[in-house]
C-alpha atoms as a PDB file:
ATOM      1  CA  MET A   1     -62.038  -3.527  49.063  1.00  0.00           C
ATOM      2  CA  ILE A   2     -60.397  -0.864  46.906  1.00  0.00           C
ATOM      3  CA  ASN A   3     -57.806  -2.015  44.332  1.00  0.00           C
ATOM      4  CA  THR A   4     -54.791   0.319  44.635  1.00  0.00           C
ATOM      5  CA  LYS A   5     -52.744  -1.271  41.789  1.00  0.00           C
ATOM      6  CA  LYS A   6     -52.465   0.946  38.717  1.00  0.00           C
ATOM      7  CA  SER A   7     -52.715  -0.641  35.324  1.00  0.00           C
ATOM      8  CA  PHE A   8     -49.648  -0.346  33.091  1.00  0.00           C
ATOM      9  CA  SER A   9     -50.509   0.987  29.659  1.00  0.00           C
ATOM     10  CA  PRO A  10     -49.052  -1.045  26.735  1.00  0.00           C
ATOM     11  CA  SER A  11     -48.458   2.189  24.806  1.00  0.00           C
ATOM     12  CA  LEU A  12     -46.423   3.603  27.712  1.00  0.00           C
ATOM     13  CA  PHE A  13     -44.384   0.401  27.822  1.00  0.00           C
ATOM     14  CA  LEU A  14     -43.601   0.653  24.106  1.00  0.00           C
ATOM     15  CA  LEU A  15     -42.618   4.311  24.490  1.00  0.00           C
ATOM     16  CA  LEU A  16     -40.225   3.543  27.340  1.00  0.00           C
ATOM     17  CA  LEU A  17     -38.743   0.611  25.407  1.00  0.00           C
ATOM     18  CA  THR A  18     -38.165   2.796  22.337  1.00  0.00           C
ATOM     19  CA  LEU A  19     -36.448   5.486  24.426  1.00  0.00           C
ATOM     20  CA  ALA A  20     -34.217   2.858  26.056  1.00  0.00           C
ATOM     21  CA  ILE A  21     -33.168   1.483  22.638  1.00  0.00           C
ATOM     22  CA  ILE A  22     -32.384   4.981  21.309  1.00  0.00           C
ATOM     23  CA  ALA A  23     -30.305   5.777  24.395  1.00  0.00           C
ATOM     24  CA  GLY A  24     -28.393   2.514  23.999  1.00  0.00           C
ATOM     25  CA  LEU A  25     -27.645   3.232  20.342  1.00  0.00           C
ATOM     26  CA  LEU A  26     -26.396   6.727  21.198  1.00  0.00           C
ATOM     27  CA  ILE A  27     -24.070   5.355  23.881  1.00  0.00           C
ATOM     28  CA  PHE A  28     -22.772   2.663  21.497  1.00  0.00           C
ATOM     29  CA  SER A  29     -22.169   5.215  18.728  1.00  0.00           C
ATOM     30  CA  THR A  30     -20.261   7.510  21.101  1.00  0.00           C
ATOM     31  CA  SER A  31     -18.085   4.607  22.229  1.00  0.00           C
ATOM     32  CA  LEU A  32     -17.209   3.726  18.643  1.00  0.00           C
ATOM     33  CA  LYS A  33     -16.179   7.304  17.897  1.00  0.00           C
ATOM     34  CA  ARG A  34     -13.859   7.304  20.905  1.00  0.00           C
ATOM     35  CA  LEU A  35     -12.272   4.008  19.875  1.00  0.00           C
ATOM     36  CA  ALA A  36     -11.855   4.897  16.188  1.00  0.00           C
ATOM     37  CA  PRO A  37      -8.622   6.697  15.196  1.00  0.00           C
ATOM     38  CA  SER A  38      -9.006  10.293  14.158  1.00  0.00           C
ATOM     39  CA  LYS A  39      -8.489  11.249  10.516  1.00  0.00           C
ATOM     40  CA  GLU A  40      -5.359  13.162  11.469  1.00  0.00           C
ATOM     41  CA  ASN A  41      -3.771  10.031  12.985  1.00  0.00           C
ATOM     42  CA  THR A  42      -4.972   7.466  10.456  1.00  0.00           C
ATOM     43  CA  PRO A  43      -2.030   6.112   8.407  1.00  0.00           C
ATOM     44  CA  ILE A  44      -2.241   6.904   4.703  1.00  0.00           C
ATOM     45  CA  ALA A  45      -0.821   4.635   2.039  1.00  0.00           C
ATOM     46  CA  CYS A  46       1.825   5.841  -0.381  1.00  0.00           C
ATOM     47  CA  ALA A  47      -0.728   6.282  -3.156  1.00  0.00           C
ATOM     48  CA  VAL A  48      -4.476   6.315  -3.571  1.00  0.00           C
ATOM     49  CA  PRO A  49      -5.022   4.330  -6.770  1.00  0.00           C
ATOM     50  CA  ASN A  50      -7.332   6.048  -9.255  1.00  0.00           C
ATOM     51  CA  SER A  51      -7.688   6.596 -12.977  1.00  0.00           C
ATOM     52  CA  GLN A  52      -5.046   9.342 -12.972  1.00  0.00           C
ATOM     53  CA  THR A  53      -2.342   7.546 -10.984  1.00  0.00           C
ATOM     54  CA  LEU A  54      -2.832   4.128 -12.573  1.00  0.00           C
ATOM     55  CA  THR A  55      -2.435   4.883 -16.264  1.00  0.00           C
ATOM     56  CA  GLY A  56       1.206   3.849 -16.029  1.00  0.00           C
ATOM     57  CA  GLU A  57       2.294   6.506 -18.499  1.00  0.00           C
ATOM     58  CA  PHE A  58       5.366   8.631 -17.848  1.00  0.00           C
ATOM     59  CA  ASP A  59       4.483  12.235 -17.008  1.00  0.00           C
ATOM     60  CA  SER A  60       6.936  14.307 -19.028  1.00  0.00           C
ATOM     61  CA  LEU A  61       5.496  17.554 -17.605  1.00  0.00           C
ATOM     62  CA  ALA A  62       6.508  16.699 -14.020  1.00  0.00           C
ATOM     63  CA  THR A  63       9.667  18.751 -13.404  1.00  0.00           C
ATOM     64  CA  SER A  64       9.717  18.883  -9.593  1.00  0.00           C
ATOM     65  CA  ALA A  65       9.586  16.405  -6.732  1.00  0.00           C
ATOM     66  CA  TRP A  66       9.552  16.750  -2.947  1.00  0.00           C
ATOM     67  CA  TRP A  67      10.502  14.358  -0.185  1.00  0.00           C
ATOM     68  CA  LEU A  68      10.091  15.167   3.523  1.00  0.00           C
ATOM     69  CA  GLY A  69       9.611  18.807   2.653  1.00  0.00           C
ATOM     70  CA  GLU A  70      12.793  19.090   0.579  1.00  0.00           C
ATOM     71  CA  SER A  71      13.205  19.300  -3.171  1.00  0.00           C
ATOM     72  CA  VAL A  72      14.649  16.207  -4.865  1.00  0.00           C
ATOM     73  CA  THR A  73      15.528  15.474  -8.471  1.00  0.00           C
ATOM     74  CA  PRO A  74      12.714  13.656 -10.274  1.00  0.00           C
ATOM     75  CA  LEU A  75      13.050  11.258 -13.177  1.00  0.00           C
ATOM     76  CA  THR A  76      13.443  13.375 -16.297  1.00  0.00           C
ATOM     77  CA  GLN A  77      12.772  10.653 -18.843  1.00  0.00           C
ATOM     78  CA  PRO A  78      11.390   7.117 -18.937  1.00  0.00           C
ATOM     79  CA  LEU A  79      13.742   4.387 -17.791  1.00  0.00           C
ATOM     80  CA  ALA A  80      15.241   2.085 -20.401  1.00  0.00           C
ATOM     81  CA  GLU A  81      12.906  -0.810 -21.063  1.00  0.00           C
ATOM     82  CA  ALA A  82      14.219  -4.346 -20.811  1.00  0.00           C
ATOM     83  CA  THR A  83      13.946  -6.263 -24.079  1.00  0.00           C
ATOM     84  CA  PRO A  84      13.320 -10.006 -24.346  1.00  0.00           C
ATOM     85  CA  THR A  85      17.021 -10.480 -25.136  1.00  0.00           C
ATOM     86  CA  ASN A  86      18.492  -8.439 -22.262  1.00  0.00           C
ATOM     87  CA  ARG A  87      15.793  -8.900 -19.624  1.00  0.00           C
ATOM     88  CA  GLN A  88      17.238 -10.473 -16.474  1.00  0.00           C
ATOM     89  CA  VAL A  89      15.010 -13.467 -15.827  1.00  0.00           C
ATOM     90  CA  LEU A  90      14.826 -14.348 -12.130  1.00  0.00           C
ATOM     91  CA  GLY A  91      13.516 -17.875 -12.534  1.00  0.00           C
ATOM     92  CA  GLU A  92      12.330 -20.351 -15.095  1.00  0.00           C
ATOM     93  CA  SER A  93       9.070 -21.408 -13.471  1.00  0.00           C
ATOM     94  CA  ASP A  94       5.803 -19.477 -13.388  1.00  0.00           C
ATOM     95  CA  SER A  95       4.412 -21.614 -10.585  1.00  0.00           C
ATOM     96  CA  ASN A  96       4.816 -21.208  -6.825  1.00  0.00           C
ATOM     97  CA  LYS A  97       6.111 -17.654  -7.107  1.00  0.00           C
ATOM     98  CA  TRP A  98       5.804 -15.554  -3.984  1.00  0.00           C
ATOM     99  CA  ILE A  99       7.379 -12.477  -2.432  1.00  0.00           C
ATOM    100  CA  GLU A 100       8.466 -12.352   1.205  1.00  0.00           C
ATOM    101  CA  ILE A 101       8.952  -8.999   2.922  1.00  0.00           C
ATOM    102  CA  ASP A 102      10.767  -9.249   6.263  1.00  0.00           C
ATOM    103  CA  LEU A 103      10.230  -5.999   8.153  1.00  0.00           C
ATOM    104  CA  ASP A 104      12.603  -7.004  10.966  1.00  0.00           C
ATOM    105  CA  LYS A 105      15.490  -7.433   8.522  1.00  0.00           C
ATOM    106  CA  GLN A 106      14.268  -4.751   6.085  1.00  0.00           C
ATOM    107  CA  HIS A 107      14.726  -7.260   3.290  1.00  0.00           C
ATOM    108  CA  LEU A 108      12.700  -8.665   0.396  1.00  0.00           C
ATOM    109  CA  TYR A 109      13.033 -12.199  -0.972  1.00  0.00           C
ATOM    110  CA  ALA A 110      11.638 -13.524  -4.255  1.00  0.00           C
ATOM    111  CA  HIS A 111      10.760 -17.204  -3.945  1.00  0.00           C
ATOM    112  CA  GLU A 112       9.989 -19.953  -6.385  1.00  0.00           C
ATOM    113  CA  GLY A 113       8.710 -22.691  -4.138  1.00  0.00           C
ATOM    114  CA  ASP A 114      11.294 -23.161  -1.390  1.00  0.00           C
ATOM    115  CA  ALA A 115      14.121 -21.538  -3.364  1.00  0.00           C
ATOM    116  CA  ILE A 116      15.119 -17.901  -2.951  1.00  0.00           C
ATOM    117  CA  ILE A 117      16.020 -16.670  -6.428  1.00  0.00           C
ATOM    118  CA  PHE A 118      16.498 -12.961  -5.673  1.00  0.00           C
ATOM    119  CA  GLU A 119      16.758 -10.664  -2.680  1.00  0.00           C
ATOM    120  CA  THR A 120      17.196  -6.979  -2.018  1.00  0.00           C
ATOM    121  CA  PRO A 121      17.277  -4.551   0.918  1.00  0.00           C
ATOM    122  CA  ILE A 122      14.181  -2.415   1.349  1.00  0.00           C
ATOM    123  CA  SER A 123      12.862   0.575   3.233  1.00  0.00           C
ATOM    124  CA  SER A 124       9.433  -0.054   4.745  1.00  0.00           C
ATOM    125  CA  GLY A 125       7.075   2.281   6.572  1.00  0.00           C
ATOM    126  CA  LYS A 126       8.472   4.822   9.012  1.00  0.00           C
ATOM    127  CA  TYR A 127       5.851   7.596   8.955  1.00  0.00           C
ATOM    128  CA  ALA A 128       3.034   5.052   8.607  1.00  0.00           C
ATOM    129  CA  PRO A 129       3.329   1.289   9.135  1.00  0.00           C
ATOM    130  CA  THR A 130       3.578  -1.209   6.303  1.00  0.00           C
ATOM    131  CA  PRO A 131       0.612  -3.591   6.711  1.00  0.00           C
ATOM    132  CA  THR A 132       1.519  -7.158   7.644  1.00  0.00           C
ATOM    133  CA  GLY A 133      -0.294 -10.214   6.376  1.00  0.00           C
ATOM    134  CA  GLU A 134      -0.724 -12.245   3.216  1.00  0.00           C
ATOM    135  CA  TYR A 135      -1.833 -10.505   0.043  1.00  0.00           C
ATOM    136  CA  ASN A 136      -1.650 -10.728  -3.739  1.00  0.00           C
ATOM    137  CA  ILE A 137      -0.474  -8.135  -6.217  1.00  0.00           C
ATOM    138  CA  TRP A 138      -3.679  -6.636  -7.552  1.00  0.00           C
ATOM    139  CA  TYR A 139      -2.284  -3.920  -9.849  1.00  0.00           C
ATOM    140  CA  LYS A 140       1.041  -3.230 -11.551  1.00  0.00           C
ATOM    141  CA  VAL A 141       1.891   0.136 -13.058  1.00  0.00           C
ATOM    142  CA  LYS A 142       5.138   1.298 -14.678  1.00  0.00           C
ATOM    143  CA  TYR A 143       4.903   4.888 -13.461  1.00  0.00           C
ATOM    144  CA  THR A 144       2.628   6.565 -10.945  1.00  0.00           C
ATOM    145  CA  LYS A 145       2.413   9.686  -8.794  1.00  0.00           C
ATOM    146  CA  MET A 146       2.568   9.445  -5.007  1.00  0.00           C
ATOM    147  CA  SER A 147       1.906  12.345  -2.664  1.00  0.00           C
ATOM    148  CA  GLY A 148       0.899  12.940   0.922  1.00  0.00           C
ATOM    149  CA  GLY A 149       2.090  14.088   4.309  1.00  0.00           C
ATOM    150  CA  ILE A 150       1.536  17.572   5.694  1.00  0.00           C
ATOM    151  CA  LYS A 151       3.355  20.656   4.459  1.00  0.00           C
ATOM    152  CA  GLY A 152       5.389  22.403   7.140  1.00  0.00           C
ATOM    153  CA  THR A 153       5.807  19.288   9.272  1.00  0.00           C
ATOM    154  CA  GLY A 154       8.700  17.665   7.411  1.00  0.00           C
ATOM    155  CA  THR A 155       6.482  14.799   6.215  1.00  0.00           C
ATOM    156  CA  TYR A 156       5.229  16.234   2.919  1.00  0.00           C
ATOM    157  CA  TYR A 157       6.089  14.379  -0.271  1.00  0.00           C
ATOM    158  CA  TYR A 158       5.197  14.782  -3.931  1.00  0.00           C
ATOM    159  CA  LEU A 159       6.805  12.143  -6.126  1.00  0.00           C
ATOM    160  CA  PRO A 160       5.833  11.928  -9.796  1.00  0.00           C
ATOM    161  CA  ASN A 161       6.818   8.995 -11.976  1.00  0.00           C
ATOM    162  CA  VAL A 162       7.489   6.500  -9.191  1.00  0.00           C
ATOM    163  CA  PRO A 163       8.732   3.503 -11.198  1.00  0.00           C
ATOM    164  CA  TYR A 164       7.679  -0.146 -11.238  1.00  0.00           C
ATOM    165  CA  THR A 165       4.925  -0.130  -8.627  1.00  0.00           C
ATOM    166  CA  MET A 166       3.268  -3.385  -7.609  1.00  0.00           C
ATOM    167  CA  PHE A 167       0.240  -2.704  -5.389  1.00  0.00           C
ATOM    168  CA  PHE A 168      -0.504  -5.574  -3.028  1.00  0.00           C
ATOM    169  CA  TYR A 169      -2.972  -4.008  -0.568  1.00  0.00           C
ATOM    170  CA  GLN A 170      -5.072  -0.958  -1.414  1.00  0.00           C
ATOM    171  CA  GLY A 171      -2.545   1.852  -1.998  1.00  0.00           C
ATOM    172  CA  TYR A 172       0.404  -0.034  -0.491  1.00  0.00           C
ATOM    173  CA  GLY A 173       2.927  -1.463  -2.900  1.00  0.00           C
ATOM    174  CA  VAL A 174       6.502  -2.403  -3.715  1.00  0.00           C
ATOM    175  CA  HIS A 175       8.201   0.105  -6.003  1.00  0.00           C
ATOM    176  CA  GLY A 176      11.434   1.650  -7.228  1.00  0.00           C
ATOM    177  CA  THR A 177      12.949   4.657  -5.460  1.00  0.00           C
ATOM    178  CA  TYR A 178      14.826   7.695  -6.808  1.00  0.00           C
ATOM    179  CA  TRP A 179      14.580  10.065  -3.806  1.00  0.00           C
ATOM    180  CA  HIS A 180      16.769   8.225  -1.276  1.00  0.00           C
ATOM    181  CA  ASN A 181      19.362   5.471  -1.062  1.00  0.00           C
ATOM    182  CA  ASN A 182      19.039   4.566   2.618  1.00  0.00           C
ATOM    183  CA  PHE A 183      17.854   0.998   2.085  1.00  0.00           C
ATOM    184  CA  GLY A 184      17.903  -1.326   5.077  1.00  0.00           C
ATOM    185  CA  HIS A 185      16.151   1.303   7.205  1.00  0.00           C
ATOM    186  CA  PRO A 186      12.471   2.345   7.394  1.00  0.00           C
ATOM    187  CA  MET A 187      11.961   5.446   5.248  1.00  0.00           C
ATOM    188  CA  SER A 188       8.492   5.339   3.672  1.00  0.00           C
ATOM    189  CA  HIS A 189       4.921   6.306   4.401  1.00  0.00           C
ATOM    190  CA  GLY A 190       3.875   2.651   4.301  1.00  0.00           C
ATOM    191  CA  CYS A 191       5.005   1.353   0.924  1.00  0.00           C
ATOM    192  CA  VAL A 192       8.024  -0.884   0.385  1.00  0.00           C
ATOM    193  CA  ASN A 193      10.861   1.092  -1.214  1.00  0.00           C
ATOM    194  CA  THR A 194      13.439  -0.901  -3.191  1.00  0.00           C
ATOM    195  CA  PRO A 195      16.365   0.118  -5.381  1.00  0.00           C
ATOM    196  CA  THR A 196      14.943   0.836  -8.822  1.00  0.00           C
ATOM    197  CA  PRO A 197      16.940  -1.924 -10.610  1.00  0.00           C
ATOM    198  CA  ALA A 198      15.554  -4.438  -8.095  1.00  0.00           C
ATOM    199  CA  ALA A 199      12.012  -3.174  -8.627  1.00  0.00           C
ATOM    200  CA  ALA A 200      12.448  -3.503 -12.386  1.00  0.00           C
ATOM    201  CA  ARG A 201      13.484  -7.160 -12.063  1.00  0.00           C
ATOM    202  CA  LEU A 202      10.591  -7.923  -9.722  1.00  0.00           C
ATOM    203  CA  PHE A 203       8.175  -6.097 -12.018  1.00  0.00           C
ATOM    204  CA  ASP A 204       9.159  -8.318 -14.961  1.00  0.00           C
ATOM    205  CA  TRP A 205       9.048 -11.475 -12.825  1.00  0.00           C
ATOM    206  CA  ALA A 206       5.914 -11.024 -10.744  1.00  0.00           C
ATOM    207  CA  SER A 207       2.351 -11.464 -11.937  1.00  0.00           C
ATOM    208  CA  PRO A 208       0.059 -10.203 -13.294  1.00  0.00           C
ATOM    209  CA  VAL A 209       2.022  -9.988 -16.528  1.00  0.00           C
ATOM    210  CA  VAL A 210       1.946  -6.574 -18.225  1.00  0.00           C
ATOM    211  CA  PRO A 211       1.480  -6.834 -22.017  1.00  0.00           C
ATOM    212  CA  GLU A 212       4.324  -5.300 -24.035  1.00  0.00           C
ATOM    213  CA  ASP A 213       2.052  -2.587 -25.438  1.00  0.00           C
ATOM    214  CA  LYS A 214       0.644  -1.634 -22.016  1.00  0.00           C
ATOM    215  CA  ASN A 215       1.912   0.336 -19.021  1.00  0.00           C
ATOM    216  CA  SER A 216      -0.365  -1.192 -16.389  1.00  0.00           C
ATOM    217  CA  ILE A 217      -2.387  -4.294 -15.658  1.00  0.00           C
ATOM    218  CA  MET A 218      -4.966  -5.388 -13.101  1.00  0.00           C
ATOM    219  CA  ALA A 219      -4.926  -8.942 -11.805  1.00  0.00           C
ATOM    220  CA  SER A 220      -7.668 -11.243 -13.035  1.00  0.00           C
ATOM    221  CA  PRO A 221      -8.568 -14.935 -12.789  1.00  0.00           C
ATOM    222  CA  ASP A 222      -6.676 -15.498 -16.059  1.00  0.00           C
ATOM    223  CA  ASN A 223      -3.731 -13.318 -14.980  1.00  0.00           C
ATOM    224  CA  PRO A 224      -3.552 -13.596 -11.155  1.00  0.00           C
ATOM    225  CA  GLY A 225      -1.249 -11.599  -8.913  1.00  0.00           C
ATOM    226  CA  THR A 226       1.828 -12.998  -7.191  1.00  0.00           C
ATOM    227  CA  ARG A 227       1.399 -13.746  -3.485  1.00  0.00           C
ATOM    228  CA  VAL A 228       3.038 -11.275  -1.091  1.00  0.00           C
ATOM    229  CA  VAL A 229       3.738 -12.173   2.546  1.00  0.00           C
ATOM    230  CA  VAL A 230       4.684  -9.319   4.905  1.00  0.00           C
ATOM    231  CA  HIS A 231       5.822 -10.168   8.430  1.00  0.00           C
ATOM    232  CA  GLY A 232       7.801  -8.804  11.357  1.00  0.00           C
ATOM    233  CA  ARG A 233       8.065  -5.327  12.806  1.00  0.00           C
ATOM    234  CA  ALA A 234      10.101  -2.475  11.382  1.00  0.00           C
ATOM    235  CA  PRO A 235      12.975  -1.151  13.535  1.00  0.00           C
ATOM    236  CA  LYS A 236      12.307   2.226  15.115  1.00  0.00           C
ATOM    237  CA  ASN A 237      15.682   3.723  14.238  1.00  0.00           C
END
């Protein structure tokens, strides 16, 4: 009797298995590319922190500023520094400090425990969303440059010497604002705009503490950052 069954080579089996794995990886990679947002549509934070933007020093050579494609008046000199005698102290306790940002109400609240000791209207992200969640201030800088958007589309901005910035998530932060006064409505590219006097008070109150002879500070185990809680959804108007 003749055996008609063909033997199956182990090497052929391994080859077919390898080809099947490669095909599966290619299909998986293609699926990820389709699901991932394109670079053109990926929201960009207000600033990309680096050695140039995080020195905290005032740039006296910056004589122009742009917001939404239009020229605005930049800060022409450093803001008056609060002294220990005239600094407006928000609270007496250094413990249980935290910042609440309510996107629904476009409002910021400074808490010490369960007590609200300060509040201010804000402008959160309109052209890119402000990230929600619980964070901690990781870097504070007295002055920094923020730029982004696309020229010719009405979204371009170039803002030197943005005052009193408190970064809480990557390049997203709370900061003072000199280019608009429309607080209570979303206006930013993801950061939390506040009136500059409000930002100055928060900057002095929140941790990490900036030494008097410095213009910036990074949070550390010995000088941790104040907790920041962002919740809600910004109005579309």
